């Protein structure tokens, strides 16, 4: 499945709360999310390779799985 990351989500990676979360971490997490997601939904508890815990808000669109935002957890 193709994963599309919004500019908003990419910009959030520069924030301290999303520190050490990579694009590869986001793609892996988005691909792990099960089933078809017709409307935006938050999925919790993914782990970046760095150990940082984060959530994703994703939605399926005809072009693939759209990652709307990333929410890093305080460490």
N, C-alpha and C. Protein backbone atom coordinates (compact mmCIF):
# COMPACT_ATOMS: atom_id res chain seq x y z
N UNK A 1 0.85 -1.18 0.00
CA UNK A 1 0.00 0.00 0.00
C UNK A 1 0.89 1.24 0.00
N UNK A 2 0.54 2.19 -0.85
CA UNK A 2 1.28 3.45 -0.92
C UNK A 2 0.90 4.33 0.27
N UNK A 3 1.91 4.93 0.90
CA UNK A 3 1.69 5.82 2.03
C UNK A 3 2.04 7.24 1.60
N UNK A 4 1.10 8.17 1.80
CA UNK A 4 1.28 9.57 1.45
C UNK A 4 1.31 10.37 2.75
N UNK A 5 2.38 11.15 2.95
CA UNK A 5 2.52 11.92 4.18
C UNK A 5 2.29 13.39 3.85
N UNK A 6 1.35 14.01 4.55
CA UNK A 6 1.04 15.42 4.28
C UNK A 6 2.20 16.32 4.69
N UNK A 7 2.24 17.51 4.11
CA UNK A 7 3.26 18.49 4.48
C UNK A 7 3.14 18.84 5.96
N UNK A 8 1.92 18.93 6.45
CA UNK A 8 1.70 19.21 7.87
C UNK A 8 2.40 18.17 8.74
N UNK A 9 2.24 16.91 8.40
CA UNK A 9 2.86 15.84 9.17
C UNK A 9 4.38 15.93 9.10
N UNK A 10 4.92 16.23 7.92
CA UNK A 10 6.37 16.36 7.76
C UNK A 10 6.91 17.51 8.61
N UNK A 11 6.19 18.64 8.64
CA UNK A 11 6.62 19.78 9.44
C UNK A 11 6.63 19.44 10.93
N UNK A 12 5.67 18.63 11.36
CA UNK A 12 5.60 18.25 12.78
C UNK A 12 6.83 17.44 13.22
N UNK A 13 7.49 16.79 12.29
CA UNK A 13 8.68 16.02 12.64
C UNK A 13 9.80 16.92 13.16
N UNK A 14 9.73 18.22 12.87
CA UNK A 14 10.74 19.17 13.35
C UNK A 14 10.48 19.61 14.78
N UNK A 15 9.30 19.33 15.32
CA UNK A 15 8.97 19.72 16.69
C UNK A 15 9.65 18.78 17.69
N UNK A 16 9.94 19.31 18.87
CA UNK A 16 10.62 18.54 19.90
C UNK A 16 9.83 17.28 20.29
N UNK A 17 8.53 17.38 20.31
CA UNK A 17 7.70 16.25 20.73
C UNK A 17 7.78 15.07 19.76
N UNK A 18 8.11 15.34 18.52
CA UNK A 18 8.24 14.28 17.51
C UNK A 18 9.71 13.94 17.23
N UNK A 19 10.60 14.42 18.10
CA UNK A 19 12.03 14.20 17.92
C UNK A 19 12.33 12.70 17.81
N UNK A 20 13.20 12.35 16.89
CA UNK A 20 13.67 10.97 16.67
C UNK A 20 12.62 10.05 16.05
N UNK A 21 11.57 10.62 15.46
CA UNK A 21 10.62 9.83 14.66
C UNK A 21 10.97 10.11 13.20
N UNK A 22 11.19 9.08 12.42
CA UNK A 22 11.61 9.25 11.03
C UNK A 22 10.46 8.96 10.05
N UNK A 23 10.68 9.36 8.83
CA UNK A 23 9.72 9.05 7.75
C UNK A 23 9.54 7.54 7.64
N UNK A 24 10.62 6.79 7.76
CA UNK A 24 10.54 5.32 7.69
C UNK A 24 9.66 4.76 8.81
N UNK A 25 9.77 5.35 10.02
CA UNK A 25 8.93 4.92 11.13
C UNK A 25 7.46 5.16 10.81
N UNK A 26 7.16 6.29 10.20
CA UNK A 26 5.78 6.65 9.86
C UNK A 26 5.23 5.70 8.80
N UNK A 27 6.01 5.45 7.77
CA UNK A 27 5.56 4.55 6.70
C UNK A 27 5.30 3.15 7.25
N UNK A 28 6.21 2.64 8.06
CA UNK A 28 6.04 1.31 8.64
C UNK A 28 4.77 1.25 9.49
N UNK A 29 4.55 2.27 10.32
CA UNK A 29 3.37 2.30 11.18
C UNK A 29 2.09 2.39 10.35
N UNK A 30 2.09 3.22 9.31
CA UNK A 30 0.89 3.35 8.47
C UNK A 30 0.57 2.05 7.75
N UNK A 31 1.58 1.33 7.35
CA UNK A 31 1.35 0.05 6.67
C UNK A 31 0.88 -1.04 7.62
N UNK A 32 1.20 -0.90 8.90
CA UNK A 32 0.76 -1.88 9.90
C UNK A 32 -0.71 -1.72 10.28
N UNK A 33 -1.27 -0.55 10.02
CA UNK A 33 -2.65 -0.30 10.44
C UNK A 33 -3.59 -1.17 9.61
N UNK A 34 -4.48 -1.90 10.29
CA UNK A 34 -5.31 -2.89 9.60
C UNK A 34 -6.51 -2.28 8.86
N UNK A 35 -7.01 -3.04 7.93
CA UNK A 35 -8.29 -2.77 7.26
C UNK A 35 -8.32 -1.49 6.45
N UNK A 36 -9.51 -1.16 5.99
CA UNK A 36 -9.77 0.07 5.22
C UNK A 36 -10.21 1.15 6.19
N UNK A 37 -9.68 2.35 6.04
CA UNK A 37 -9.99 3.46 6.95
C UNK A 37 -10.68 4.56 6.14
N UNK A 38 -12.02 4.56 6.09
CA UNK A 38 -12.74 5.50 5.22
C UNK A 38 -12.74 6.95 5.73
N UNK A 39 -12.61 7.15 7.03
CA UNK A 39 -12.55 8.51 7.56
C UNK A 39 -11.38 8.60 8.52
N UNK A 40 -10.90 9.81 8.75
CA UNK A 40 -9.71 10.01 9.57
C UNK A 40 -9.88 9.34 10.94
N UNK A 41 -8.87 8.59 11.33
CA UNK A 41 -8.90 7.88 12.60
C UNK A 41 -7.52 7.92 13.23
N UNK A 42 -7.50 7.97 14.57
CA UNK A 42 -6.24 8.00 15.30
C UNK A 42 -5.89 6.59 15.76
N UNK A 43 -4.67 6.19 15.47
CA UNK A 43 -4.15 4.91 15.90
C UNK A 43 -3.00 5.17 16.85
N UNK A 44 -3.05 4.51 17.99
CA UNK A 44 -2.13 4.82 19.08
C UNK A 44 -1.09 3.71 19.31
N UNK A 45 0.04 4.15 19.90
CA UNK A 45 1.00 3.22 20.44
C UNK A 45 2.03 2.64 19.48
N UNK A 46 2.44 3.38 18.47
CA UNK A 46 3.51 2.91 17.59
C UNK A 46 4.85 3.27 18.20
N UNK A 47 5.87 2.48 17.89
CA UNK A 47 7.22 2.73 18.39
C UNK A 47 8.16 3.04 17.24
N UNK A 48 8.84 4.19 17.34
CA UNK A 48 9.89 4.51 16.37
C UNK A 48 11.11 3.64 16.69
N UNK A 49 12.01 3.51 15.76
CA UNK A 49 13.23 2.71 16.02
C UNK A 49 14.03 3.30 17.17
N UNK A 50 13.86 4.60 17.40
CA UNK A 50 14.57 5.28 18.49
C UNK A 50 13.96 4.95 19.85
N UNK A 51 12.76 4.34 19.84
CA UNK A 51 12.06 4.03 21.09
C UNK A 51 10.96 5.02 21.42
N UNK A 52 10.87 6.13 20.67
CA UNK A 52 9.83 7.13 20.90
C UNK A 52 8.47 6.55 20.55
N UNK A 53 7.48 6.75 21.40
CA UNK A 53 6.12 6.30 21.15
C UNK A 53 5.36 7.42 20.44
N UNK A 54 4.54 7.04 19.44
CA UNK A 54 3.78 8.06 18.72
C UNK A 54 2.45 7.50 18.24
N UNK A 55 1.55 8.43 17.92
CA UNK A 55 0.24 8.10 17.34
C UNK A 55 0.19 8.64 15.92
N UNK A 56 -0.66 8.06 15.11
CA UNK A 56 -0.89 8.53 13.74
C UNK A 56 -2.36 8.80 13.53
N UNK A 57 -2.65 9.82 12.73
CA UNK A 57 -4.00 10.04 12.24
C UNK A 57 -3.93 9.78 10.74
N UNK A 58 -4.69 8.78 10.29
CA UNK A 58 -4.63 8.34 8.90
C UNK A 58 -6.04 8.20 8.30
N UNK A 59 -6.05 8.19 6.98
CA UNK A 59 -7.30 8.01 6.23
C UNK A 59 -6.92 7.38 4.89
N UNK A 60 -7.73 6.46 4.41
CA UNK A 60 -7.49 5.88 3.09
C UNK A 60 -8.17 6.74 2.03
N UNK A 61 -7.41 7.05 0.98
CA UNK A 61 -7.92 7.79 -0.17
C UNK A 61 -7.61 6.95 -1.40
N UNK A 62 -8.18 7.27 -2.56
CA UNK A 62 -7.92 6.44 -3.74
C UNK A 62 -6.43 6.27 -4.09
N UNK A 63 -5.61 7.26 -3.77
CA UNK A 63 -4.19 7.18 -4.11
C UNK A 63 -3.38 6.35 -3.12
N UNK A 64 -3.95 6.04 -1.94
CA UNK A 64 -3.23 5.26 -0.95
C UNK A 64 -3.66 5.64 0.46
N UNK A 65 -2.77 5.43 1.42
CA UNK A 65 -3.07 5.75 2.82
C UNK A 65 -2.45 7.10 3.14
N UNK A 66 -3.29 8.05 3.52
CA UNK A 66 -2.86 9.41 3.81
C UNK A 66 -2.58 9.56 5.29
N UNK A 67 -1.34 9.96 5.63
CA UNK A 67 -0.97 10.25 7.01
C UNK A 67 -1.21 11.74 7.21
N UNK A 68 -2.20 12.07 8.05
CA UNK A 68 -2.60 13.45 8.25
C UNK A 68 -1.71 14.14 9.28
N UNK A 69 -1.43 13.47 10.37
CA UNK A 69 -0.54 14.05 11.39
C UNK A 69 0.08 12.97 12.24
N UNK A 70 1.12 13.38 12.97
CA UNK A 70 1.85 12.52 13.89
C UNK A 70 1.79 13.17 15.26
N UNK A 71 1.54 12.39 16.29
CA UNK A 71 1.50 12.92 17.66
C UNK A 71 2.52 12.13 18.47
N UNK A 72 3.64 12.77 18.78
CA UNK A 72 4.66 12.14 19.59
C UNK A 72 4.28 12.20 21.06
N UNK A 73 4.62 11.17 21.79
CA UNK A 73 4.34 11.12 23.23
C UNK A 73 5.53 11.67 23.98
N UNK A 74 5.26 12.33 25.10
CA UNK A 74 6.33 12.86 25.94
C UNK A 74 7.18 11.71 26.46
N UNK A 75 8.47 11.94 26.48
CA UNK A 75 9.33 10.86 26.97
C UNK A 75 9.93 11.19 28.31
